[in-house]
Amino acid sequence: MSNGTKLFVGLFGTALMFTFIIGLAHSISTGFAGFWGGLPFTVIVIAVLSMALYDFWDECVRRK
């Protein structure tokens, strides 16, 4: 796969995942669970999104 295609598809997939996960964390924190009930999930979300961002950088952006 060419570098441009890999960059575009990786960015699109990562952005789609970010949108879904952040929306899910927002709905949990503002819904029935409240802020303190959603806090553990929010911490997990931050860890997972940082790993996804690193993987995108490692696979698509960094020159090997």
N, C-alpha and C. Protein backbone atom coordinates (compact mmCIF):
# COMPACT_ATOMS: atom_id res chain seq x y z
N MET A 1 0.85 -1.17 0.00
CA MET A 1 0.00 0.00 0.00
C MET A 1 0.90 1.24 0.00
N SER A 2 0.51 2.24 -0.75
CA SER A 2 1.33 3.45 -0.81
C SER A 2 1.24 4.23 0.50
N ASN A 3 2.22 5.09 0.73
CA ASN A 3 2.26 5.85 1.98
C ASN A 3 1.07 6.78 2.12
N GLY A 4 0.65 7.40 1.02
CA GLY A 4 -0.49 8.31 1.07
C GLY A 4 -1.78 7.58 1.41
N THR A 5 -1.98 6.42 0.81
CA THR A 5 -3.18 5.63 1.10
C THR A 5 -3.17 5.14 2.53
N LYS A 6 -2.02 4.67 2.97
CA LYS A 6 -1.90 4.18 4.35
C LYS A 6 -2.18 5.30 5.35
N LEU A 7 -1.67 6.49 5.06
CA LEU A 7 -1.89 7.64 5.94
C LEU A 7 -3.37 8.03 5.98
N PHE A 8 -4.01 8.08 4.81
CA PHE A 8 -5.42 8.45 4.74
C PHE A 8 -6.32 7.44 5.45
N VAL A 9 -6.13 6.16 5.17
CA VAL A 9 -6.97 5.13 5.79
C VAL A 9 -6.72 5.05 7.29
N GLY A 10 -5.46 5.17 7.71
CA GLY A 10 -5.15 5.15 9.14
C GLY A 10 -5.74 6.33 9.87
N LEU A 11 -5.66 7.51 9.27
CA LEU A 11 -6.23 8.72 9.88
C LEU A 11 -7.74 8.62 9.96
N PHE A 12 -8.37 8.13 8.90
CA PHE A 12 -9.83 7.99 8.89
C PHE A 12 -10.29 6.99 9.95
N GLY A 13 -9.64 5.85 10.03
CA GLY A 13 -10.01 4.84 11.01
C GLY A 13 -9.78 5.29 12.44
N THR A 14 -8.66 5.97 12.67
CA THR A 14 -8.36 6.47 14.01
C THR A 14 -9.35 7.55 14.42
N ALA A 15 -9.68 8.44 13.49
CA ALA A 15 -10.65 9.50 13.79
C ALA A 15 -12.03 8.91 14.07
N LEU A 16 -12.42 7.90 13.32
CA LEU A 16 -13.70 7.25 13.54
C LEU A 16 -13.74 6.57 14.92
N MET A 17 -12.66 5.91 15.28
CA MET A 17 -12.59 5.27 16.59
C MET A 17 -12.61 6.31 17.71
N PHE A 18 -11.87 7.40 17.55
CA PHE A 18 -11.86 8.47 18.55
C PHE A 18 -13.26 9.02 18.75
N THR A 19 -13.98 9.27 17.65
CA THR A 19 -15.33 9.83 17.74
C THR A 19 -16.26 8.89 18.49
N PHE A 20 -16.21 7.61 18.17
CA PHE A 20 -17.08 6.65 18.83
C PHE A 20 -16.76 6.52 20.31
N ILE A 21 -15.50 6.35 20.64
CA ILE A 21 -15.10 6.11 22.04
C ILE A 21 -15.34 7.35 22.90
N ILE A 22 -15.03 8.53 22.38
CA ILE A 22 -15.25 9.75 23.15
C ILE A 22 -16.75 9.99 23.35
N GLY A 23 -17.55 9.71 22.33
CA GLY A 23 -19.01 9.83 22.48
C GLY A 23 -19.55 8.86 23.51
N LEU A 24 -19.03 7.64 23.50
CA LEU A 24 -19.44 6.65 24.49
C LEU A 24 -19.06 7.08 25.90
N ALA A 25 -17.86 7.57 26.08
CA ALA A 25 -17.42 8.03 27.40
C ALA A 25 -18.25 9.23 27.86
N HIS A 26 -18.59 10.11 26.94
CA HIS A 26 -19.40 11.27 27.29
C HIS A 26 -20.80 10.84 27.72
N SER A 27 -21.40 9.92 26.99
CA SER A 27 -22.75 9.49 27.36
C SER A 27 -22.77 8.72 28.68
N ILE A 28 -21.73 7.99 28.97
CA ILE A 28 -21.67 7.28 30.25
C ILE A 28 -21.49 8.27 31.39
N SER A 29 -20.62 9.25 31.21
CA SER A 29 -20.33 10.21 32.28
C SER A 29 -21.48 11.18 32.55
N THR A 30 -22.26 11.50 31.54
CA THR A 30 -23.37 12.44 31.74
C THR A 30 -24.69 11.74 32.00
N GLY A 31 -24.71 10.45 31.85
CA GLY A 31 -25.95 9.70 32.04
C GLY A 31 -26.11 9.21 33.46
N PHE A 32 -26.62 8.01 33.60
CA PHE A 32 -26.96 7.42 34.88
C PHE A 32 -25.74 7.27 35.80
N ALA A 33 -24.58 6.97 35.24
CA ALA A 33 -23.39 6.72 36.07
C ALA A 33 -22.88 7.99 36.72
N GLY A 34 -23.07 9.12 36.08
CA GLY A 34 -22.55 10.37 36.63
C GLY A 34 -21.06 10.47 36.43
N PHE A 35 -20.50 11.58 36.88
CA PHE A 35 -19.07 11.80 36.68
C PHE A 35 -18.23 10.78 37.42
N TRP A 36 -18.52 10.54 38.69
CA TRP A 36 -17.68 9.63 39.48
C TRP A 36 -17.85 8.19 39.05
N GLY A 37 -19.04 7.83 38.56
CA GLY A 37 -19.23 6.47 38.05
C GLY A 37 -18.55 6.26 36.71
N GLY A 38 -18.46 7.31 35.92
CA GLY A 38 -17.82 7.21 34.61
C GLY A 38 -16.34 7.49 34.63
N LEU A 39 -15.80 7.91 35.76
CA LEU A 39 -14.39 8.24 35.84
C LEU A 39 -13.46 7.05 35.54
N PRO A 40 -13.70 5.85 36.09
CA PRO A 40 -12.82 4.74 35.73
C PRO A 40 -12.84 4.43 34.23
N PHE A 41 -14.02 4.53 33.62
CA PHE A 41 -14.12 4.30 32.18
C PHE A 41 -13.38 5.39 31.41
N THR A 42 -13.45 6.61 31.88
CA THR A 42 -12.75 7.71 31.23
C THR A 42 -11.23 7.52 31.29
N VAL A 43 -10.74 7.03 32.41
CA VAL A 43 -9.30 6.76 32.54
C VAL A 43 -8.88 5.66 31.56
N ILE A 44 -9.70 4.63 31.43
CA ILE A 44 -9.42 3.55 30.48
C ILE A 44 -9.45 4.09 29.05
N VAL A 45 -10.42 4.95 28.76
CA VAL A 45 -10.54 5.53 27.42
C VAL A 45 -9.30 6.34 27.08
N ILE A 46 -8.80 7.11 28.00
CA ILE A 46 -7.59 7.91 27.75
C ILE A 46 -6.41 7.00 27.45
N ALA A 47 -6.27 5.92 28.18
CA ALA A 47 -5.18 4.98 27.94
C ALA A 47 -5.31 4.32 26.57
N VAL A 48 -6.51 3.87 26.23
CA VAL A 48 -6.72 3.18 24.96
C VAL A 48 -6.52 4.13 23.78
N LEU A 49 -7.02 5.36 23.89
CA LEU A 49 -6.86 6.31 22.79
C LEU A 49 -5.41 6.73 22.61
N SER A 50 -4.67 6.81 23.70
CA SER A 50 -3.24 7.14 23.55
C SER A 50 -2.50 5.98 22.87
N MET A 51 -2.87 4.74 23.18
CA MET A 51 -2.26 3.60 22.50
C MET A 51 -2.63 3.57 21.02
N ALA A 52 -3.88 3.91 20.69
CA ALA A 52 -4.30 3.95 19.29
C ALA A 52 -3.57 5.04 18.53
N LEU A 53 -3.39 6.19 19.16
CA LEU A 53 -2.67 7.28 18.53
C LEU A 53 -1.20 6.91 18.30
N TYR A 54 -0.58 6.24 19.26
CA TYR A 54 0.80 5.79 19.09
C TYR A 54 0.89 4.77 17.96
N ASP A 55 -0.06 3.85 17.88
CA ASP A 55 -0.04 2.84 16.83
C ASP A 55 -0.20 3.48 15.46
N PHE A 56 -1.08 4.48 15.35
CA PHE A 56 -1.23 5.21 14.08
C PHE A 56 0.09 5.87 13.70
N TRP A 57 0.72 6.52 14.65
CA TRP A 57 2.00 7.18 14.36
C TRP A 57 3.06 6.17 13.96
N ASP A 58 3.10 5.04 14.67
CA ASP A 58 4.11 4.03 14.42
C ASP A 58 3.93 3.37 13.05
N GLU A 59 2.69 3.12 12.66
CA GLU A 59 2.42 2.41 11.41
C GLU A 59 2.39 3.32 10.19
N CYS A 60 1.88 4.53 10.35
CA CYS A 60 1.61 5.37 9.17
C CYS A 60 2.53 6.57 9.02
N VAL A 61 3.01 7.14 10.10
CA VAL A 61 3.73 8.40 10.01
C VAL A 61 5.24 8.20 10.10
N ARG A 62 5.67 7.39 11.05
CA ARG A 62 7.11 7.23 11.30
C ARG A 62 7.80 6.54 10.13
N ARG A 63 8.94 7.05 9.78
CA ARG A 63 9.74 6.45 8.71
C ARG A 63 10.58 5.34 9.30
N LYS A 64 10.49 4.16 8.72
CA LYS A 64 11.24 3.01 9.23
C LYS A 64 12.46 2.75 8.39
